[in-house]
Protein backbone atom coordinates (compact mmCIF):
# COMPACT_ATOMS: atom_id res chain seq x y z
CA MET A 1 -23.80 -119.47 -82.09
CA SER A 2 -24.82 -122.33 -84.25
CA LEU A 3 -26.83 -125.05 -83.28
CA ASP A 4 -26.24 -128.67 -84.51
CA LEU A 5 -29.65 -130.59 -84.40
CA ARG A 6 -27.96 -134.08 -84.19
CA TYR A 7 -27.14 -133.24 -80.63
CA PHE A 8 -30.85 -133.64 -79.80
CA SER A 9 -32.10 -137.03 -79.36
CA SER A 10 -35.60 -136.28 -79.94
CA LEU A 11 -37.76 -133.39 -81.00
CA SER A 12 -38.72 -132.95 -77.34
CA SER A 13 -35.33 -132.00 -76.35
CA LEU A 14 -35.06 -129.45 -79.19
CA LEU A 15 -38.48 -128.05 -78.07
CA LEU A 16 -37.31 -128.04 -74.24
CA VAL A 17 -34.38 -125.91 -75.34
CA THR A 18 -36.65 -123.53 -77.55
CA ALA A 19 -39.28 -123.31 -74.65
CA THR A 20 -36.42 -122.43 -72.21
CA VAL A 21 -35.63 -119.58 -74.45
CA ALA A 22 -39.05 -118.74 -75.03
CA ILE A 23 -39.82 -118.42 -71.28
CA ALA A 24 -36.52 -116.23 -70.87
CA ARG A 25 -37.55 -113.99 -73.72
CA PRO A 26 -41.55 -114.38 -73.88
CA SER A 27 -41.67 -111.91 -77.02
CA TYR A 28 -39.65 -114.85 -79.00
CA GLY A 29 -41.90 -116.45 -81.34
CA TRP A 30 -40.41 -119.92 -83.02
CA GLY A 31 -39.01 -117.90 -86.18
CA ALA A 32 -37.10 -115.47 -83.63
CA ILE A 33 -35.82 -118.28 -81.66
CA ALA A 34 -34.83 -120.32 -84.73
CA THR A 35 -32.83 -117.16 -86.07
CA ALA A 36 -31.56 -116.64 -82.46
CA LEU A 37 -29.99 -120.01 -82.34
CA GLU A 38 -29.23 -120.15 -86.06
CA ILE A 39 -31.03 -123.09 -86.69
CA SER A 40 -30.38 -123.96 -90.56
CA GLN A 41 -32.63 -127.02 -90.83
CA THR A 42 -36.57 -126.59 -90.77
CA LYS A 43 -39.08 -128.46 -89.01
CA ASP A 44 -39.78 -130.50 -91.92
CA ASN A 45 -36.29 -131.68 -92.41
CA PHE A 46 -35.96 -132.48 -88.60
CA TYR A 47 -39.11 -134.59 -88.79
CA ALA A 48 -37.73 -136.35 -92.26
CA GLN A 49 -34.51 -137.25 -90.20
CA SER A 50 -36.08 -138.77 -86.91
CA PRO A 51 -39.98 -138.85 -87.07
CA PRO A 52 -41.44 -138.76 -83.32
CA THR A 53 -43.15 -141.73 -81.98
CA ALA A 54 -46.58 -140.68 -80.75
CA PRO A 55 -45.31 -140.60 -77.00
CA GLU A 56 -42.52 -138.33 -78.12
CA GLU A 57 -45.01 -136.16 -80.13
CA ALA A 58 -47.36 -136.28 -76.87
CA GLU A 59 -44.57 -135.07 -74.65
CA VAL A 60 -43.86 -132.06 -77.13
CA TYR A 61 -47.57 -131.06 -76.98
CA TYR A 62 -47.54 -131.43 -73.41
CA ASN A 63 -44.39 -129.33 -72.79
CA ARG A 64 -45.83 -126.49 -75.25
CA GLY A 65 -48.90 -126.57 -72.96
CA LEU A 66 -46.71 -126.07 -70.04
CA VAL A 67 -45.08 -123.03 -71.55
CA ARG A 68 -48.68 -121.65 -72.84
CA TYR A 69 -50.14 -122.11 -69.33
CA SER A 70 -46.98 -120.41 -67.81
CA GLN A 71 -47.80 -117.41 -70.05
CA GLY A 72 -51.54 -117.23 -69.40
CA ASP A 73 -52.77 -118.88 -72.62
CA LEU A 74 -55.09 -121.34 -70.91
CA ALA A 75 -57.15 -121.83 -73.94
CA GLY A 76 -53.88 -123.03 -75.78
CA ALA A 77 -52.52 -125.05 -72.97
CA VAL A 78 -55.86 -127.07 -72.89
CA GLU A 79 -55.94 -127.57 -76.70
CA ASP A 80 -52.17 -128.76 -76.47
CA TYR A 81 -52.84 -131.03 -73.55
CA THR A 82 -56.05 -132.47 -75.54
CA ARG A 83 -53.66 -133.29 -78.34
CA ALA A 84 -51.15 -134.78 -75.88
CA ILE A 85 -54.06 -137.03 -74.41
CA GLU A 86 -55.18 -138.04 -78.01
CA LEU A 87 -51.31 -139.11 -78.51
CA ASN A 88 -50.77 -140.73 -75.32
CA PRO A 89 -54.21 -141.40 -73.46
CA GLU A 90 -52.76 -143.31 -70.61
CA ASN A 91 -50.79 -140.66 -68.95
CA ALA A 92 -52.28 -139.29 -65.73
CA LEU A 93 -49.97 -136.24 -65.63
CA ILE A 94 -51.37 -134.84 -68.53
CA TYR A 95 -54.87 -135.11 -67.53
CA ASN A 96 -53.94 -133.55 -64.19
CA ASN A 97 -52.36 -130.50 -65.72
CA ARG A 98 -55.42 -130.31 -68.10
CA GLY A 99 -57.72 -130.21 -65.21
CA ILE A 100 -55.54 -127.38 -63.68
CA ALA A 101 -55.87 -125.19 -66.83
CA ARG A 102 -59.70 -126.02 -66.88
CA VAL A 103 -60.25 -125.07 -63.16
CA GLU A 104 -58.66 -121.50 -64.05
CA GLN A 105 -61.01 -121.06 -67.16
CA GLY A 106 -63.95 -121.77 -64.66
CA ASP A 107 -64.52 -125.45 -66.20
CA LEU A 108 -64.77 -127.29 -62.85
CA VAL A 109 -66.78 -130.08 -64.20
CA GLY A 110 -64.46 -130.64 -67.01
CA ALA A 111 -61.36 -130.44 -64.47
CA ILE A 112 -63.03 -132.95 -62.31
CA ALA A 113 -63.51 -135.30 -65.13
CA ASP A 114 -59.78 -134.84 -65.82
CA TYR A 115 -58.75 -135.75 -62.42
CA THR A 116 -60.91 -138.55 -62.06
CA ARG A 117 -59.59 -139.89 -65.41
CA ALA A 118 -55.95 -139.35 -63.95
CA ILE A 119 -57.09 -141.28 -60.65
CA GLU A 120 -58.20 -144.19 -62.86
CA ILE A 121 -55.02 -144.40 -64.64
CA ASP A 122 -53.10 -144.05 -61.64
CA PRO A 123 -55.03 -144.88 -58.29
CA ASN A 124 -52.05 -143.76 -56.14
CA TYR A 125 -51.76 -140.27 -57.93
CA ALA A 126 -52.20 -138.03 -54.39
CA LEU A 127 -51.88 -134.77 -56.30
CA ALA A 128 -54.91 -135.65 -58.31
CA TYR A 129 -56.93 -136.45 -55.61
CA ASP A 130 -55.96 -133.07 -53.80
CA ASN A 131 -56.83 -131.12 -56.93
CA ARG A 132 -60.08 -133.01 -57.51
CA GLY A 133 -60.72 -132.26 -53.78
CA ASN A 134 -60.05 -128.43 -54.30
CA ALA A 135 -62.64 -128.62 -57.47
CA ARG A 136 -65.33 -130.15 -55.39
CA ARG A 137 -65.06 -128.00 -52.70
CA ASN A 138 -65.02 -125.00 -55.26
CA GLN A 139 -68.32 -126.73 -56.60
CA GLY A 140 -69.71 -126.92 -53.00
CA ASP A 141 -69.37 -130.87 -52.85
CA LEU A 142 -67.73 -130.80 -49.53
CA ALA A 143 -68.11 -134.42 -48.82
CA GLY A 144 -66.58 -135.13 -51.87
CA ALA A 145 -63.61 -132.75 -51.09
CA ILE A 146 -63.01 -134.30 -47.70
CA ALA A 147 -62.97 -137.82 -49.12
CA ASP A 148 -60.58 -136.64 -51.96
CA HIS A 149 -58.33 -134.77 -49.59
CA THR A 150 -58.37 -137.74 -47.23
CA ARG A 151 -57.31 -140.23 -49.97
CA ALA A 152 -54.54 -137.82 -50.80
CA ILE A 153 -52.86 -137.97 -47.45
CA GLU A 154 -53.17 -141.74 -46.98
CA PRO A 155 -49.90 -143.66 -47.24
């Protein structure tokens, strides 16, 4: 099977394909995926043809963070989410997902800060309120947890 990179509208589309293969076969690294798909162009050549915009590049880091998270690499996921935030600091979803990874790392303070920032960006982001409520409950802040869970279910 030969893959023609011209069919991908962005680097994120290509990464989504490679991430899907990586999830299906977690032992595959980028080199193995490239070999399996017979990709003849290097990453540098691809960037030379269509350099990604900051939001597109942020999406790539975000997607890789999702894959790393699903593989249990919490530190790698947080690192990728952080880079995605640097490139696209107004994306509430990235903050929310970094918060989820931080909770699993035991960093409740960092997670609450991420959920709070997600809520500042999108005041109607119910999932961020719910996640912050769970983190507050785990911290022992029951009043804060109730307030967040209440806000999460408000229309």
